[in-house]
Amino acid sequence: MPVTESTPQPQRPHAIVAGVSMRDLLASCAAASAVSTPPRLPDPGTAGRPPAEHRNAA
């Protein structure tokens, strides 16, 4: 009768997160998103209007 040997299962890597809070992680993701997002195009309705006149300081 053959002897069945148990083959070790490969270990999945464990994420090691030391000293990073969820708040800091979410803040860094929001900052990266804000930096990598291109600016919006101007509103087509306001593109042809001249800017409002400024009043002179007294």
N, C-alpha and C. Protein backbone atom coordinates (compact mmCIF):
# COMPACT_ATOMS: atom_id res chain seq x y z
N MET A 1 0.84 -1.16 0.00
CA MET A 1 0.00 0.00 0.00
C MET A 1 0.90 1.24 0.00
N PRO A 2 0.68 2.19 -0.92
CA PRO A 2 1.56 3.38 -0.97
C PRO A 2 1.26 4.33 0.20
N VAL A 3 2.29 4.94 0.64
CA VAL A 3 2.16 5.91 1.74
C VAL A 3 1.91 7.28 1.11
N THR A 4 0.83 7.92 1.53
CA THR A 4 0.56 9.26 1.00
C THR A 4 1.29 10.28 1.85
N GLU A 5 2.02 11.09 1.17
CA GLU A 5 2.76 12.14 1.87
C GLU A 5 1.97 13.43 1.75
N SER A 6 1.93 14.14 2.81
CA SER A 6 1.22 15.42 2.74
C SER A 6 2.16 16.46 2.13
N THR A 7 1.68 17.05 1.09
CA THR A 7 2.49 18.08 0.44
C THR A 7 2.13 19.43 1.07
N PRO A 8 3.12 20.18 1.43
CA PRO A 8 2.83 21.47 2.07
C PRO A 8 2.16 22.42 1.06
N GLN A 9 1.12 23.07 1.53
CA GLN A 9 0.43 24.04 0.68
C GLN A 9 1.23 25.34 0.66
N PRO A 10 1.29 25.99 -0.49
CA PRO A 10 2.03 27.25 -0.54
C PRO A 10 1.35 28.30 0.34
N GLN A 11 2.15 29.02 1.06
CA GLN A 11 1.63 30.04 1.95
C GLN A 11 1.30 31.29 1.14
N ARG A 12 0.14 31.88 1.44
CA ARG A 12 -0.20 33.15 0.80
C ARG A 12 0.54 34.26 1.53
N PRO A 13 1.03 35.23 0.80
CA PRO A 13 1.74 36.32 1.48
C PRO A 13 0.77 37.13 2.34
N HIS A 14 1.23 37.51 3.49
CA HIS A 14 0.41 38.30 4.40
C HIS A 14 0.81 39.76 4.26
N ALA A 15 -0.17 40.61 4.22
CA ALA A 15 0.11 42.04 4.15
C ALA A 15 0.59 42.50 5.53
N ILE A 16 1.72 43.12 5.53
CA ILE A 16 2.25 43.64 6.79
C ILE A 16 2.09 45.15 6.75
N VAL A 17 1.17 45.62 7.56
CA VAL A 17 0.92 47.05 7.63
C VAL A 17 1.20 47.48 9.06
N ALA A 18 2.27 48.18 9.22
CA ALA A 18 2.64 48.61 10.56
C ALA A 18 2.60 50.13 10.63
N GLY A 19 1.77 50.64 11.51
CA GLY A 19 1.75 52.07 11.75
C GLY A 19 0.97 52.90 10.74
N VAL A 20 0.16 52.31 9.88
CA VAL A 20 -0.63 53.08 8.92
C VAL A 20 -2.09 52.92 9.30
N SER A 21 -2.71 54.04 9.64
CA SER A 21 -4.12 53.97 10.01
C SER A 21 -4.99 53.98 8.76
N MET A 22 -6.20 53.52 8.90
CA MET A 22 -7.14 53.51 7.78
C MET A 22 -7.41 54.94 7.33
N ARG A 23 -7.47 55.88 8.26
CA ARG A 23 -7.71 57.28 7.92
C ARG A 23 -6.59 57.82 7.04
N ASP A 24 -5.33 57.52 7.39
CA ASP A 24 -4.20 57.97 6.59
C ASP A 24 -4.20 57.31 5.21
N LEU A 25 -4.55 56.05 5.17
CA LEU A 25 -4.61 55.35 3.89
C LEU A 25 -5.67 55.94 2.98
N LEU A 26 -6.86 56.21 3.52
CA LEU A 26 -7.92 56.81 2.72
C LEU A 26 -7.57 58.23 2.29
N ALA A 27 -6.92 58.98 3.16
CA ALA A 27 -6.52 60.34 2.82
C ALA A 27 -5.49 60.33 1.70
N SER A 28 -4.57 59.39 1.72
CA SER A 28 -3.57 59.33 0.66
C SER A 28 -4.20 58.94 -0.66
N CYS A 29 -5.20 58.07 -0.62
CA CYS A 29 -5.90 57.69 -1.86
C CYS A 29 -6.67 58.88 -2.42
N ALA A 30 -7.31 59.66 -1.56
CA ALA A 30 -8.06 60.83 -2.01
C ALA A 30 -7.11 61.88 -2.59
N ALA A 31 -5.95 62.06 -1.97
CA ALA A 31 -4.98 63.02 -2.48
C ALA A 31 -4.43 62.58 -3.83
N ALA A 32 -4.15 61.30 -3.98
CA ALA A 32 -3.64 60.79 -5.26
C ALA A 32 -4.68 60.95 -6.35
N SER A 33 -5.94 60.74 -6.01
CA SER A 33 -7.01 60.91 -6.99
C SER A 33 -7.15 62.37 -7.40
N ALA A 34 -7.05 63.28 -6.44
CA ALA A 34 -7.18 64.71 -6.74
C ALA A 34 -6.03 65.19 -7.61
N VAL A 35 -4.84 64.69 -7.36
CA VAL A 35 -3.68 65.12 -8.13
C VAL A 35 -3.70 64.55 -9.54
N SER A 36 -4.19 63.34 -9.70
CA SER A 36 -4.13 62.68 -11.00
C SER A 36 -5.34 62.98 -11.90
N THR A 37 -6.36 63.65 -11.36
CA THR A 37 -7.54 63.97 -12.15
C THR A 37 -7.31 65.28 -12.90
N PRO A 38 -7.49 65.30 -14.23
CA PRO A 38 -7.28 66.55 -14.97
C PRO A 38 -8.36 67.57 -14.63
N PRO A 39 -8.07 68.86 -14.81
CA PRO A 39 -9.06 69.88 -14.50
C PRO A 39 -10.27 69.77 -15.42
N ARG A 40 -11.41 70.23 -14.92
CA ARG A 40 -12.63 70.18 -15.72
C ARG A 40 -12.56 71.20 -16.84
N LEU A 41 -13.27 70.94 -17.93
CA LEU A 41 -13.40 71.91 -19.00
C LEU A 41 -14.34 73.01 -18.54
N PRO A 42 -14.17 74.25 -19.06
CA PRO A 42 -15.07 75.32 -18.66
C PRO A 42 -16.49 75.05 -19.12
N ASP A 43 -17.44 75.57 -18.37
CA ASP A 43 -18.85 75.42 -18.69
C ASP A 43 -19.13 76.13 -20.02
N PRO A 44 -19.73 75.45 -21.01
CA PRO A 44 -19.96 76.08 -22.31
C PRO A 44 -20.83 77.34 -22.22
N GLY A 45 -21.72 77.43 -21.25
CA GLY A 45 -22.58 78.59 -21.14
C GLY A 45 -21.85 79.84 -20.68
N THR A 46 -20.75 79.68 -19.96
CA THR A 46 -20.02 80.84 -19.45
C THR A 46 -18.78 81.15 -20.25
N ALA A 47 -18.46 80.37 -21.26
CA ALA A 47 -17.22 80.56 -22.01
C ALA A 47 -17.25 81.85 -22.84
N GLY A 48 -18.40 82.27 -23.36
CA GLY A 48 -18.46 83.44 -24.24
C GLY A 48 -18.71 84.74 -23.51
N ARG A 49 -19.08 84.71 -22.25
CA ARG A 49 -19.38 85.93 -21.51
C ARG A 49 -18.11 86.62 -21.04
N PRO A 50 -18.08 87.96 -21.12
CA PRO A 50 -16.91 88.66 -20.55
C PRO A 50 -16.97 88.61 -19.03
N PRO A 51 -15.84 88.70 -18.36
CA PRO A 51 -15.86 88.67 -16.90
C PRO A 51 -16.60 89.89 -16.35
N ALA A 52 -17.19 89.72 -15.18
CA ALA A 52 -17.90 90.83 -14.54
C ALA A 52 -16.91 91.93 -14.19
N GLU A 53 -17.36 93.18 -14.29
CA GLU A 53 -16.47 94.29 -13.99
C GLU A 53 -16.21 94.36 -12.50
N HIS A 54 -14.99 94.73 -12.18
CA HIS A 54 -14.60 94.86 -10.77
C HIS A 54 -14.76 96.30 -10.34
N ARG A 55 -15.20 96.46 -9.11
CA ARG A 55 -15.30 97.82 -8.58
C ARG A 55 -13.94 98.24 -8.06
N ASN A 56 -13.62 99.51 -8.20
CA ASN A 56 -12.37 100.02 -7.68
C ASN A 56 -12.46 100.20 -6.18
N ALA A 57 -11.38 99.96 -5.51
CA ALA A 57 -11.37 100.15 -4.05
C ALA A 57 -11.46 101.63 -3.74
N ALA A 58 -12.11 101.98 -2.65
CA ALA A 58 -12.31 103.38 -2.29
C ALA A 58 -11.04 103.99 -1.75
